[in-house]
Amino acid sequence: MENKVNWRLGKILDGRYEIVSVVGIGGMAVVYQAYDLEKKRDVAVKVLRDDVSMDADSRRQFRKEYQAVEKLNHPNIRAVYDVVSSGDTEYIVMEYVDGINLKQYMKGKGVLSWQEVLHFSTQIARALNHAHSRGIIHMDIKPQNIMLPKDGTVKIADFGIAQMDEAGTADAEEALGSIHYISPEQARGGNVDARSDIYSLGVVMYEMLTGRLPFNGKTVGEVAVQQVSVLPDAPSAINPDVPPELEDITLRAMQPEPNDRYSSAGEMLADLEDFRRSRSGTSTVQEQTYEIRDEVHVISKNVPRISRSGELSKEGYARRRSRAASISLLSGCVIVVAFALALFVFVWQYWLADIFRDAERVNVSSFTGLRYEDIMANEQMTELYNFKVVYKADSTHDEGMVVDQDPTAGASRMVTSEGIDVTLTVSSGVQLVTIPDDILNAPYTNVQVRLEAKDLNVSIELQESSSVTENYVISSDPAPGASVSSGSTVTLYVSAGPAASYTSVPSVIGLSKESALLTLQREGLICGENEISYVSSSATEAGKVMWQSYSAGTQVIMGTQVYLQVGTGPAVASQPAQAPQQQEAAPPAEG
């Protein structure tokens, strides 16, 4: 049996979309990277999985995603180009996002700066405001569904469980995304509206600001109870650098009662923009933009606007022009002086200072291989150097051991009263995580959520199995109970169902009908009166098989129906009808 995930690799769907690689596997669909041969561009193709494609409800849910997103056209929402139903295959063609998701970005950076949180949250709020204005609720806002292309923009993806805003209910048993991000009413299976997405955005902001989730629990119920009964720690209590205004926006979005949250994404967006303006010091400052790869941000220049109440007289125009010229000349002088001063400071610091004064210089000591505690206990070292520490998980060095330094040992540095800046990279050792013992013979989607909650990466491989239920875990590598380092990859081997059994079609031509039926049944093939037709033929003895639907030796799946034709002998020729004979007249009676 062909692999239910990879069988399309290298294929061209409908003569247009060439499948390149597998991007991800979900509970209902597989996402591939593909190349659009017609438009000459990379695309993502989301294909309904073979094992659910015959289910009417799955097809309905799959189409629902396209029906939701086709109404949306926004730069912060992943675009959908096409939806195709071709035979038994249904797929959606989407914008290909070359980048990472927000969850991966947070794992790499830890706690984000408030500028980054503002940058990402503003774009997410804009996308939600657009979707809500068209009656679409996402219902699964979480970092894994927020894509970050390399240009630093935000793309919300996966409207797979989105619904129309019609006071619907959320089924807590459905795949509603990670339980940590859904709203309390969503977890209870109650009525949901746009404010449920606002709650989820608040949780995402909380995680970006603090590096951790506000609530933790093993089940939807446990998290839901905490959401309505426990107040999360204030973000500033975890990260003192969180601005109070941004903390207030986050906590208001996360209120357990929908009426206490923002009434709309537009209202939340307005507060985010007000906060941006308050931090910039002017009402005309434009938004910051980030480049994800280099983590560089650029602030656009302020462009003040001139408002005119009426036309100027010639004298007024002349005075304004003269004043503008004077201001321009003065501004130019100020700029030249400032540039000269900055140049002098730079030259003095990096060149002239060493010439005009006898400054003491030392070669930086070697700290690699020493214990950080021993270094900090040395008063001579702490007086000479200003240490900054970066921790790194490292399985090759003991915890607390210095594994790298910047600047390198031997580099020449000037002695200052502030101390020589040195960054030490210190091993934090390896954080071990135990793989749970009860992950076998369980739905792989549940197991995947549990392992990712332990900061483990999960890889899925499908295997044929007649003993384990389809989509349930057969085994794992490493095995259950093993201890692995945080961030390791665990491979789950998931049942793809039993393999198909094949048999060879025997030759039954010339056998009696009864013998042919027994021969086919012994090979696991189906043939009965419904599969037999009777044909008159002078070439075949009556009651013998004269034709079979599969040639002898053909390999077919066991249980295949085989059709037969059985001869009834030569046709009986019809006799021509004879004309009735005329009776002779009776002789006359004698008198």
Protein backbone atom coordinates (compact mmCIF):
# COMPACT_ATOMS: atom_id res chain seq x y z
CA MET A 1 0.00 0.00 0.00
CA GLU A 2 1.34 3.47 -0.90
CA ASN A 3 2.22 5.86 1.88
CA LYS A 4 -0.83 7.97 2.61
CA VAL A 5 1.30 11.07 3.16
CA ASN A 6 4.07 10.95 0.57
CA TRP A 7 2.41 9.28 -2.38
CA ARG A 8 1.86 12.59 -4.17
CA LEU A 9 5.49 13.74 -4.06
CA GLY A 10 6.64 14.47 -7.59
CA LYS A 11 3.08 14.26 -8.90
CA ILE A 12 1.41 17.07 -10.82
CA LEU A 13 -2.16 17.73 -9.68
CA ASP A 14 -4.55 18.51 -12.53
CA GLY A 15 -1.64 19.26 -14.84
CA ARG A 16 -0.74 22.43 -12.91
CA TYR A 17 0.55 21.99 -9.32
CA GLU A 18 3.80 20.00 -8.99
CA ILE A 19 4.18 18.59 -5.46
CA VAL A 20 7.66 19.32 -4.03
CA SER A 21 7.70 18.34 -0.34
CA VAL A 22 5.61 17.74 2.77
CA VAL A 23 5.28 20.88 4.92
CA GLY A 24 3.04 19.56 7.70
CA ILE A 25 0.51 16.90 8.71
CA GLY A 26 -2.73 17.71 10.50
CA GLY A 27 -5.65 15.72 11.81
CA MET A 28 -7.58 16.12 8.54
CA ALA A 29 -5.13 17.26 5.89
CA VAL A 30 -1.56 17.19 4.63
CA VAL A 31 0.09 20.47 3.52
CA TYR A 32 2.60 20.30 0.67
CA GLN A 33 4.92 22.82 -0.89
CA ALA A 34 4.17 22.86 -4.61
CA TYR A 35 5.05 24.83 -7.73
CA ASP A 36 2.33 26.44 -9.82
CA LEU A 37 3.42 25.68 -13.38
CA GLU A 38 0.94 28.17 -14.80
CA LYS A 39 1.64 31.18 -12.55
CA LYS A 40 5.35 30.29 -12.09
CA ARG A 41 5.31 30.62 -8.30
CA ASP A 42 5.60 28.54 -5.14
CA VAL A 43 2.31 27.69 -3.47
CA ALA A 44 1.08 25.60 -0.54
CA VAL A 45 -1.39 22.81 -1.33
CA LYS A 46 -3.58 21.53 1.49
CA VAL A 47 -4.93 18.08 0.57
CA LEU A 48 -7.64 16.22 2.47
CA ARG A 49 -6.02 13.07 3.83
CA ASP A 50 -6.89 9.77 2.15
CA ASP A 51 -8.12 8.19 5.38
CA VAL A 52 -10.77 10.88 5.89
CA SER A 53 -11.53 11.89 2.29
CA MET A 54 -14.50 9.51 2.01
CA ASP A 55 -16.16 10.93 5.13
CA ALA A 56 -18.89 13.46 4.28
CA ASP A 57 -18.42 15.43 7.50
CA SER A 58 -14.67 15.74 6.89
CA ARG A 59 -15.29 17.02 3.36
CA ARG A 60 -17.78 19.56 4.72
CA GLN A 61 -15.31 20.76 7.35
CA PHE A 62 -12.55 20.96 4.73
CA ARG A 63 -14.66 23.11 2.38
CA LYS A 64 -15.60 25.31 5.33
CA GLU A 65 -12.05 26.67 5.49
CA TYR A 66 -12.16 27.88 1.90
CA GLN A 67 -15.66 29.30 2.29
CA ALA A 68 -14.39 31.33 5.24
CA VAL A 69 -11.15 32.61 3.72
CA GLU A 70 -12.52 33.35 0.25
CA LYS A 71 -14.31 36.36 1.81
CA LEU A 72 -11.03 37.75 3.15
CA ASN A 73 -8.41 39.84 1.37
CA HIS A 74 -5.85 41.28 3.76
CA PRO A 75 -2.02 41.47 3.79
CA ASN A 76 -1.92 39.87 7.26
CA ILE A 77 -4.06 36.85 6.30
CA ARG A 78 -2.64 33.95 4.31
CA ALA A 79 -4.26 34.16 0.86
CA VAL A 80 -6.23 31.31 -0.72
CA TYR A 81 -5.86 31.11 -4.50
CA ASP A 82 -8.02 28.17 -5.50
CA VAL A 83 -10.06 25.20 -4.28
CA VAL A 84 -10.25 22.06 -6.40
CA SER A 85 -12.44 18.97 -6.23
CA SER A 86 -10.98 16.41 -8.60
CA GLY A 87 -12.53 12.95 -8.31
CA ASP A 88 -11.92 11.68 -4.78
CA THR A 89 -9.24 14.33 -4.13
CA GLU A 90 -10.04 17.73 -2.65
CA TYR A 91 -7.38 20.36 -2.10
CA ILE A 92 -6.92 24.05 -1.39
CA VAL A 93 -4.16 26.10 -3.06
CA MET A 94 -2.79 28.79 -0.75
CA GLU A 95 -0.06 31.40 -0.51
CA TYR A 96 3.30 29.79 0.29
CA VAL A 97 4.88 31.44 3.34
CA ASP A 98 8.66 31.15 3.41
CA GLY A 99 9.46 31.62 7.07
CA ILE A 100 8.70 30.31 10.54
CA ASN A 101 5.74 30.51 12.88
CA LEU A 102 5.57 32.71 15.97
CA LYS A 103 5.97 29.69 18.30
CA GLN A 104 9.30 28.82 16.68
CA TYR A 105 10.39 32.46 16.86
CA MET A 106 9.57 32.63 20.59
CA LYS A 107 11.43 29.37 21.24
CA GLY A 108 14.52 30.86 19.62
CA LYS A 109 14.37 34.24 21.39
CA GLY A 110 12.57 33.57 24.68
CA VAL A 111 10.93 36.70 26.08
CA LEU A 112 10.28 39.26 23.34
CA SER A 113 10.85 42.99 23.69
CA TRP A 114 7.75 45.13 24.07
CA GLN A 115 8.52 46.67 20.66
CA GLU A 116 8.30 43.24 19.01
CA VAL A 117 5.14 42.38 20.94
CA LEU A 118 3.55 45.63 19.76
CA HIS A 119 4.71 44.99 16.19
CA PHE A 120 3.23 41.48 16.02
CA SER A 121 0.06 42.18 18.05
CA THR A 122 -0.88 45.18 15.92
CA GLN A 123 -0.77 43.16 12.71
CA ILE A 124 -2.73 40.27 14.25
CA ALA A 125 -5.39 42.71 15.50
CA ARG A 126 -5.65 44.25 12.03
CA ALA A 127 -6.18 40.83 10.47
CA LEU A 128 -8.82 39.89 13.06
CA ASN A 129 -10.58 43.23 12.61
CA HIS A 130 -10.80 42.53 8.87
CA ALA A 131 -12.07 38.96 9.37
CA HIS A 132 -14.61 39.95 12.03
CA SER A 133 -15.94 42.75 9.84
CA ARG A 134 -16.89 40.05 7.33
CA GLY A 135 -18.49 37.80 9.92
CA ILE A 136 -15.61 35.31 10.21
CA ILE A 137 -14.29 34.14 13.60
CA HIS A 138 -10.95 32.31 13.47
CA MET A 139 -11.44 30.28 16.71
CA ASP A 140 -7.85 28.95 16.73
CA ILE A 141 -5.54 31.92 17.27
CA LYS A 142 -2.26 30.58 18.67
CA PRO A 143 1.44 31.12 17.90
CA GLN A 144 1.57 27.99 15.71
CA ASN A 145 -1.01 29.58 13.33
CA ILE A 146 0.78 32.94 13.09
CA MET A 147 3.33 32.78 10.28
CA LEU A 148 6.32 35.13 10.09
CA PRO A 149 7.73 35.55 6.57
CA LYS A 150 11.33 36.71 6.32
CA ASP A 151 10.25 40.29 5.64
CA GLY A 152 8.92 40.61 9.21
CA THR A 153 5.20 40.78 8.42
CA VAL A 154 2.54 38.59 10.00
CA LYS A 155 0.31 36.10 8.19
CA ILE A 156 -2.57 34.45 10.08
CA ALA A 157 -3.11 30.94 8.73
CA ASP A 158 -5.41 27.94 9.21
CA PHE A 159 -9.02 29.04 9.18
CA GLY A 160 -9.86 25.31 9.24
CA ILE A 161 -12.32 25.59 12.16
CA ALA A 162 -13.45 29.15 11.50
CA GLN A 163 -17.16 29.75 11.63
CA MET A 164 -19.64 32.39 10.56
CA ASP A 165 -20.54 34.83 13.33
CA GLU A 166 -24.00 33.50 14.04
CA ALA A 167 -23.96 32.71 17.78
CA GLY A 168 -22.67 29.21 17.10
CA THR A 169 -21.30 26.81 19.69
CA ALA A 170 -17.84 25.38 19.95
CA ASP A 171 -17.49 21.63 20.40
CA ALA A 172 -14.74 21.09 22.98
CA GLU A 173 -14.15 17.60 21.60
CA GLU A 174 -13.17 18.94 18.18
CA ALA A 175 -9.59 19.89 17.32
CA LEU A 176 -9.80 23.47 18.60
CA GLY A 177 -6.08 23.99 18.75
CA SER A 178 -4.03 24.11 21.91
CA ILE A 179 -6.19 24.22 25.01
CA HIS A 180 -4.05 27.00 26.48
CA TYR A 181 -5.19 29.65 24.00
CA ILE A 182 -8.96 29.09 23.67
CA SER A 183 -11.41 31.26 25.58
CA PRO A 184 -13.34 29.95 28.63
CA GLU A 185 -16.64 29.94 26.71
CA GLN A 186 -14.97 28.05 23.86
CA ALA A 187 -13.60 25.42 26.27
CA ARG A 188 -17.05 24.97 27.83
CA GLY A 189 -18.65 24.47 24.42
CA GLY A 190 -20.70 27.65 24.83
CA ASN A 191 -21.58 30.47 22.46
CA VAL A 192 -18.60 32.14 20.82
CA ASP A 193 -18.18 35.42 18.97
CA ALA A 194 -15.38 37.75 17.90
CA ARG A 195 -14.40 38.32 21.55
CA SER A 196 -13.16 34.70 21.72
CA ASP A 197 -10.44 35.59 19.19
CA ILE A 198 -9.59 38.68 21.27
CA TYR A 199 -9.07 36.45 24.34
CA SER A 200 -6.74 34.18 22.36
CA LEU A 201 -4.74 37.18 21.13
CA GLY A 202 -4.38 38.30 24.76
CA VAL A 203 -2.91 34.92 25.72
CA VAL A 204 -0.46 35.12 22.79
CA MET A 205 0.62 38.61 23.92
CA TYR A 206 1.05 37.34 27.50
CA GLU A 207 3.30 34.54 26.28
CA MET A 208 5.38 36.92 24.14
CA LEU A 209 5.85 39.34 27.05
CA THR A 210 6.68 36.74 29.71
CA GLY A 211 7.96 33.68 27.88
CA ARG A 212 5.33 31.47 29.52
CA LEU A 213 1.60 30.68 29.38
CA PRO A 214 -0.80 32.25 31.91
CA PHE A 215 -2.49 28.93 32.80
CA ASN A 216 -1.40 25.30 32.71
CA GLY A 217 -3.37 22.08 32.89
CA LYS A 218 -3.51 18.62 31.37
CA THR A 219 -7.11 18.89 30.12
CA VAL A 220 -9.44 21.50 28.70
CA GLY A 221 -11.41 21.33 31.95
CA GLU A 222 -8.41 22.06 34.17
CA VAL A 223 -7.40 25.09 32.09
CA ALA A 224 -11.01 26.33 31.91
CA VAL A 225 -11.33 26.19 35.72
CA GLN A 226 -8.15 28.26 36.13
CA GLN A 227 -9.33 30.76 33.52
CA VAL A 228 -12.46 31.64 35.50
CA SER A 229 -11.19 31.15 39.06
CA VAL A 230 -7.52 32.22 39.11
CA LEU A 231 -5.97 35.52 38.12
CA PRO A 232 -2.73 35.08 36.16
CA ASP A 233 0.44 36.72 37.40
CA ALA A 234 0.80 40.23 36.04
CA PRO A 235 3.25 40.21 33.09
CA SER A 236 5.33 42.92 34.80
CA ALA A 237 5.76 40.65 37.86
CA ILE A 238 7.53 38.17 35.57
CA ASN A 239 9.22 40.64 33.24
CA PRO A 240 9.78 44.10 34.84
CA ASP A 241 10.42 45.62 31.39
CA VAL A 242 6.75 45.26 30.36
CA PRO A 243 5.22 48.76 29.94
CA PRO A 244 2.09 49.31 32.11
CA GLU A 245 -0.03 50.35 29.11
CA LEU A 246 0.79 47.18 27.18
CA GLU A 247 0.13 45.09 30.29
CA ASP A 248 -3.32 46.70 30.67
CA ILE A 249 -4.18 45.93 27.03
CA THR A 250 -3.09 42.29 27.46
CA LEU A 251 -5.03 41.69 30.68
CA ARG A 252 -8.19 43.39 29.38
CA ALA A 253 -8.16 41.10 26.31
CA MET A 254 -7.81 38.08 28.65
CA GLN A 255 -10.80 38.85 30.89
CA PRO A 256 -12.77 35.61 31.61
CA GLU A 257 -16.12 37.34 30.99
CA PRO A 258 -16.57 38.36 27.33
CA ASN A 259 -18.36 41.57 28.32
CA ASP A 260 -15.26 42.71 30.22
CA ARG A 261 -12.98 42.33 27.20
CA TYR A 262 -12.61 44.61 24.22
CA SER A 263 -15.88 44.68 22.31
CA SER A 264 -14.06 44.38 18.99
CA ALA A 265 -10.62 43.89 17.48
CA GLY A 266 -10.87 47.45 16.18
CA GLU A 267 -11.21 48.79 19.72
CA MET A 268 -8.16 46.79 20.83
CA LEU A 269 -6.24 47.98 17.77
CA ALA A 270 -7.01 51.60 18.68
CA ASP A 271 -5.46 51.12 22.15
CA LEU A 272 -2.37 49.49 20.60
CA GLU A 273 -1.97 52.45 18.22
CA ASP A 274 -2.46 54.95 21.09
CA PHE A 275 0.27 53.15 23.03
CA ARG A 276 2.58 53.30 20.00
CA ARG A 277 2.03 57.05 19.68
CA SER A 278 2.55 57.64 23.40
CA ARG A 279 5.91 55.88 23.24
CA SER A 280 7.03 57.69 20.11
CA GLY A 281 6.44 61.18 21.53
CA THR A 282 4.53 62.44 18.47
CA SER A 283 1.20 61.73 16.86
CA THR A 284 2.72 61.49 13.39
CA VAL A 285 5.20 58.66 13.96
CA GLN A 286 4.63 55.68 11.71
CA GLU A 287 4.76 52.00 12.59
CA GLN A 288 8.00 50.13 13.25
CA THR A 289 8.88 47.32 10.87
CA TYR A 290 11.05 44.31 11.66
CA GLU A 291 13.20 42.02 9.57
CA ILE A 292 12.88 38.56 11.13
CA ARG A 293 16.19 37.07 10.04
CA ASP A 294 18.40 39.88 11.37
CA GLU A 295 15.98 41.12 14.06
CA VAL A 296 16.56 44.70 12.86
CA HIS A 297 13.87 47.37 13.19
CA VAL A 298 13.65 50.68 11.40
CA ILE A 299 11.45 53.60 12.46
CA SER A 300 10.00 55.67 9.64
CA LYS A 301 10.67 59.40 9.72
CA ASN A 302 8.03 61.82 10.98
CA VAL A 303 6.33 63.77 8.21
CA PRO A 304 4.50 66.78 9.69
CA ARG A 305 1.52 68.06 7.77
CA ILE A 306 0.74 71.72 7.05
CA SER A 307 -2.92 72.72 7.28
CA ARG A 308 -4.09 75.85 5.46
CA SER A 309 -7.09 77.90 6.53
CA GLY A 310 -7.10 80.01 3.37
CA GLU A 311 -5.01 81.53 0.59
CA LEU A 312 -2.01 83.73 1.55
CA SER A 313 -1.50 87.28 0.33
CA LYS A 314 1.60 88.10 -1.70
CA GLU A 315 3.16 89.85 1.31
CA GLY A 316 2.36 86.92 3.60
CA TYR A 317 3.76 84.46 1.09
CA ALA A 318 6.97 86.48 0.84
CA ARG A 319 7.35 86.64 4.63
CA ARG A 320 6.75 82.88 4.94
CA ARG A 321 9.26 82.15 2.20
CA SER A 322 11.88 84.38 3.84
CA ARG A 323 11.27 82.76 7.25
CA ALA A 324 11.50 79.27 5.70
CA ALA A 325 14.82 80.14 4.09
CA SER A 326 16.20 81.39 7.42
CA ILE A 327 15.03 78.24 9.21
CA SER A 328 16.54 76.04 6.48
CA LEU A 329 19.89 77.84 6.80
CA LEU A 330 19.86 77.53 10.59
CA SER A 331 18.86 73.85 10.39
CA GLY A 332 21.69 73.20 7.96
CA CYS A 333 24.22 74.81 10.29
CA VAL A 334 22.96 72.78 13.24
CA ILE A 335 23.24 69.56 11.25
CA VAL A 336 26.81 70.35 10.16
CA VAL A 337 27.88 71.18 13.73
CA ALA A 338 26.24 68.02 15.10
CA PHE A 339 27.94 65.87 12.47
CA ALA A 340 31.34 67.43 13.18
CA LEU A 341 30.89 66.89 16.92
CA ALA A 342 29.89 63.24 16.42
CA LEU A 343 32.89 62.71 14.13
CA PHE A 344 35.25 64.24 16.72
CA VAL A 345 33.85 62.00 19.50
CA PHE A 346 34.28 58.92 17.32
CA VAL A 347 37.87 59.79 16.32
CA TRP A 348 38.79 60.69 19.91
CA GLN A 349 37.39 57.48 21.36
CA TYR A 350 38.93 55.11 18.86
CA TRP A 351 42.19 56.88 17.96
CA LEU A 352 43.15 60.21 19.48
CA ALA A 353 42.53 59.17 23.09
CA ASP A 354 45.34 56.64 22.90
CA ILE A 355 47.67 59.24 21.41
CA PHE A 356 47.02 62.17 23.79
CA ARG A 357 46.89 60.20 27.01
CA ASP A 358 48.84 57.33 28.44
CA ALA A 359 45.88 54.95 28.94
CA GLU A 360 46.45 51.53 30.45
CA ARG A 361 45.58 48.61 28.17
CA VAL A 362 45.39 44.92 29.06
CA ASN A 363 44.92 41.69 27.19
CA VAL A 364 41.58 40.06 28.00
CA SER A 365 41.97 36.99 30.21
CA SER A 366 40.86 33.52 29.17
CA PHE A 367 37.70 32.42 30.97
CA THR A 368 36.74 29.42 28.82
CA GLY A 369 36.80 26.21 30.82
CA LEU A 370 36.46 27.98 34.19
CA ARG A 371 33.41 27.82 36.44
CA TYR A 372 31.34 30.98 36.43
CA GLU A 373 31.01 30.93 40.23
CA ASP A 374 34.78 30.88 40.63
CA ILE A 375 35.18 33.84 38.29
CA MET A 376 32.59 35.93 40.17
CA ALA A 377 34.27 35.07 43.50
CA ASN A 378 37.52 36.63 42.30
CA GLU A 379 37.41 40.31 43.37
CA GLN A 380 40.28 41.26 41.09
CA MET A 381 38.38 39.92 38.09
CA THR A 382 35.08 41.62 39.01
CA GLU A 383 36.86 44.98 39.48
CA LEU A 384 38.57 44.79 36.10
CA TYR A 385 35.75 43.30 34.05
CA ASN A 386 32.06 44.04 33.62
CA PHE A 387 30.60 40.57 33.02
CA LYS A 388 27.44 39.79 31.09
CA VAL A 389 26.21 36.17 31.15
CA VAL A 390 24.34 34.22 28.45
CA TYR A 391 23.20 30.71 29.33
CA LYS A 392 23.23 27.89 26.79
CA ALA A 393 22.02 24.29 27.03
CA ASP A 394 25.10 22.16 26.41
CA SER A 395 25.38 18.40 26.82
CA THR A 396 29.19 18.41 26.48
CA HIS A 397 29.96 20.69 29.46
CA ASP A 398 28.98 20.64 33.10
CA GLU A 399 26.45 23.12 34.38
CA GLY A 400 28.06 26.48 35.26
CA MET A 401 31.09 25.97 32.99
CA VAL A 402 32.10 28.86 30.68
CA VAL A 403 32.06 27.54 27.10
CA ASP A 404 32.72 30.76 25.16
CA GLN A 405 33.56 34.44 25.64
CA ASP A 406 33.43 37.73 23.76
CA PRO A 407 35.92 39.34 23.26
CA THR A 408 38.23 36.39 22.82
CA ALA A 409 41.13 35.74 25.15
CA GLY A 410 44.16 37.92 24.34
CA ALA A 411 42.21 40.78 22.76
CA SER A 412 43.60 44.21 23.74
CA ARG A 413 41.19 46.48 25.63
CA MET A 414 41.52 49.83 27.42
CA VAL A 415 41.01 49.83 31.20
CA THR A 416 38.08 52.08 32.19
CA SER A 417 36.36 52.92 35.44
CA GLU A 418 33.21 51.13 34.22
CA GLY A 419 35.15 47.94 33.59
CA ILE A 420 35.91 46.03 30.41
CA ASP A 421 32.73 44.52 28.93
CA VAL A 422 33.01 40.74 28.56
CA THR A 423 30.15 38.40 27.62
CA LEU A 424 30.45 34.87 29.03
CA THR A 425 28.48 31.98 27.54
CA VAL A 426 27.78 29.59 30.43
CA SER A 427 26.52 26.02 30.13
CA SER A 428 23.14 25.46 31.77
CA GLY A 429 23.60 21.71 31.40
CA VAL A 430 20.98 19.54 29.74
CA GLN A 431 17.38 19.72 30.92
CA LEU A 432 16.05 16.18 30.79
CA VAL A 433 12.43 15.40 29.89
CA THR A 434 10.81 11.99 30.43
CA ILE A 435 8.64 10.63 27.62
CA PRO A 436 5.30 9.55 29.16
CA ASP A 437 4.65 5.82 29.55
CA ASP A 438 1.03 5.96 28.33
CA ILE A 439 1.45 7.31 24.79
CA LEU A 440 1.15 3.96 22.98
CA ASN A 441 -2.18 2.94 21.45
CA ALA A 442 -3.46 6.50 21.93
CA PRO A 443 -4.58 9.05 19.30
CA TYR A 444 -1.43 10.60 17.92
CA THR A 445 -2.92 14.14 17.92
CA ASN A 446 -3.35 13.96 21.72
CA VAL A 447 0.15 12.56 22.17
CA GLN A 448 1.62 15.29 19.96
CA VAL A 449 0.05 18.04 22.09
CA ARG A 450 1.38 16.45 25.30
CA LEU A 451 4.93 16.09 23.96
CA GLU A 452 5.03 19.64 22.58
CA ALA A 453 3.89 20.90 25.99
CA LYS A 454 7.10 19.30 27.35
CA ASP A 455 9.13 21.37 24.85
CA LEU A 456 9.78 18.37 22.60
CA ASN A 457 9.61 18.40 18.81
CA VAL A 458 7.41 15.73 17.21
CA SER A 459 7.88 13.91 13.91
CA ILE A 460 5.14 11.68 12.47
CA GLU A 461 5.76 8.54 10.39
CA LEU A 462 2.92 6.33 9.16
CA GLN A 463 3.16 2.53 9.21
CA GLU A 464 0.75 -0.17 8.09
CA SER A 465 -0.74 -2.10 11.00
CA SER A 466 -3.54 -4.62 11.33
CA SER A 467 -3.35 -4.67 15.15
CA VAL A 468 -3.36 -0.95 16.04
CA THR A 469 -6.28 1.36 15.29
CA GLU A 470 -5.70 3.79 12.44
CA ASN A 471 -4.25 7.19 13.60
CA TYR A 472 -3.16 5.65 16.94
CA VAL A 473 0.46 5.47 18.09
CA ILE A 474 2.22 2.13 17.45
CA SER A 475 5.60 3.03 18.98
CA SER A 476 7.96 5.94 19.53
CA ASP A 477 11.66 6.68 19.19
CA PRO A 478 12.96 7.20 21.86
CA ALA A 479 10.68 4.72 23.63
CA PRO A 480 8.18 5.66 26.39
CA GLY A 481 9.88 6.20 29.73
CA ALA A 482 13.16 7.35 28.16
CA SER A 483 14.78 10.59 29.31
CA VAL A 484 15.76 13.01 26.56
CA SER A 485 17.05 16.57 26.50
CA SER A 486 14.63 19.46 26.14
CA GLY A 487 14.11 20.42 22.51
CA SER A 488 14.83 16.89 21.22
CA THR A 489 12.76 15.31 18.46
CA VAL A 490 10.50 12.34 19.24
CA THR A 491 9.35 10.26 16.29
CA LEU A 492 5.83 8.82 16.60
CA TYR A 493 5.08 5.79 14.44
CA VAL A 494 1.37 6.03 13.70
CA SER A 495 -0.91 3.34 12.35
CA ALA A 496 -2.08 3.90 8.78
CA GLY A 497 -4.44 0.91 8.99
CA PRO A 498 -3.96 -2.64 7.71
CA ALA A 499 -2.19 -3.34 4.45
CA ALA A 500 -4.28 -4.52 1.52
CA SER A 501 -4.03 -8.29 0.74
CA TYR A 502 -3.65 -9.33 -2.88
CA THR A 503 -4.43 -12.58 -4.67
CA SER A 504 -3.95 -14.00 -8.16
CA VAL A 505 -7.06 -14.54 -10.30
CA PRO A 506 -7.28 -18.21 -11.36
CA SER A 507 -8.46 -19.40 -14.78
CA VAL A 508 -12.02 -20.83 -14.62
CA ILE A 509 -12.83 -20.84 -18.34
CA GLY A 510 -14.10 -24.27 -19.35
CA LEU A 511 -15.09 -25.22 -15.78
CA SER A 512 -18.65 -25.83 -14.76
CA LYS A 513 -20.35 -22.97 -13.03
CA GLU A 514 -20.23 -24.75 -9.65
CA SER A 515 -16.51 -25.57 -9.95
CA ALA A 516 -15.71 -22.00 -11.05
CA LEU A 517 -17.51 -20.51 -8.04
CA LEU A 518 -15.64 -22.77 -5.61
CA THR A 519 -12.27 -22.01 -7.27
CA LEU A 520 -12.81 -18.24 -7.05
CA GLN A 521 -14.04 -18.38 -3.45
CA ARG A 522 -10.96 -20.34 -2.40
CA GLU A 523 -8.83 -17.40 -3.66
CA GLY A 524 -10.83 -14.88 -1.62
CA LEU A 525 -12.71 -13.49 -4.60
CA ILE A 526 -16.43 -12.73 -4.79
CA CYS A 527 -18.65 -14.35 -7.39
CA GLY A 528 -22.31 -15.35 -7.10
CA GLU A 529 -25.47 -15.38 -9.19
CA ASN A 530 -25.41 -11.56 -9.29
CA GLU A 531 -22.03 -11.70 -11.04
CA ILE A 532 -23.07 -14.37 -13.63
CA SER A 533 -24.73 -13.81 -17.00
CA TYR A 534 -25.89 -16.57 -19.35
CA VAL A 535 -25.11 -16.54 -23.06
CA SER A 536 -26.13 -19.00 -25.77
CA SER A 537 -23.16 -20.28 -27.75
CA SER A 538 -22.49 -23.21 -30.01
CA ALA A 539 -18.76 -23.03 -29.15
CA THR A 540 -19.19 -23.80 -25.45
CA GLU A 541 -20.84 -26.71 -23.75
CA ALA A 542 -23.93 -25.76 -21.81
CA GLY A 543 -23.21 -24.95 -18.16
CA LYS A 544 -19.53 -24.21 -18.78
CA VAL A 545 -17.76 -20.86 -18.19
CA MET A 546 -16.94 -19.14 -21.47
CA TRP A 547 -15.60 -15.73 -20.20
CA GLN A 548 -14.22 -14.12 -17.00
CA SER A 549 -13.77 -10.40 -16.21
CA TYR A 550 -10.09 -10.68 -15.12
CA SER A 551 -7.42 -12.55 -17.06
CA ALA A 552 -5.81 -15.48 -15.30
CA GLY A 553 -2.80 -14.39 -13.21
CA THR A 554 -4.00 -10.79 -12.65
CA GLN A 555 -3.13 -9.48 -9.14
CA VAL A 556 -6.21 -7.99 -7.42
CA ILE A 557 -7.19 -7.09 -3.85
CA MET A 558 -8.90 -9.91 -1.99
CA GLY A 559 -12.67 -9.42 -2.00
CA THR A 560 -12.72 -8.19 -5.60
CA GLN A 561 -15.82 -9.12 -7.58
CA VAL A 562 -15.21 -11.37 -10.62
CA TYR A 563 -17.88 -11.53 -13.33
CA LEU A 564 -18.51 -14.66 -15.44
CA GLN A 565 -20.41 -15.61 -18.60
CA VAL A 566 -21.79 -19.17 -18.69
CA GLY A 567 -22.85 -20.82 -21.91
CA THR A 568 -26.37 -22.26 -22.37
CA GLY A 569 -25.57 -24.27 -25.50
CA PRO A 570 -26.50 -23.50 -29.12
CA ALA A 571 -29.65 -21.50 -29.73
CA VAL A 572 -32.72 -23.58 -30.72
CA ALA A 573 -33.84 -22.68 -34.27
CA SER A 574 -37.49 -21.69 -34.47
CA GLN A 575 -39.78 -23.89 -36.73
CA PRO A 576 -41.94 -22.18 -39.40
CA ALA A 577 -45.65 -22.37 -38.66
CA GLN A 578 -47.68 -24.79 -40.88
CA ALA A 579 -50.96 -23.78 -42.47
CA PRO A 580 -53.93 -25.79 -41.13
CA GLN A 581 -55.11 -28.59 -43.51
CA GLN A 582 -58.54 -28.21 -45.05
CA GLN A 583 -60.88 -31.04 -44.02
CA GLU A 584 -62.57 -33.01 -46.79
CA ALA A 585 -66.32 -32.53 -47.12
CA ALA A 586 -68.39 -35.34 -45.65
CA PRO A 587 -70.17 -37.49 -48.21
CA PRO A 588 -73.88 -36.73 -48.56
CA ALA A 589 -76.21 -38.96 -46.64
CA GLU A 590 -78.02 -41.60 -48.60
CA GLY A 591 -81.68 -41.17 -48.87
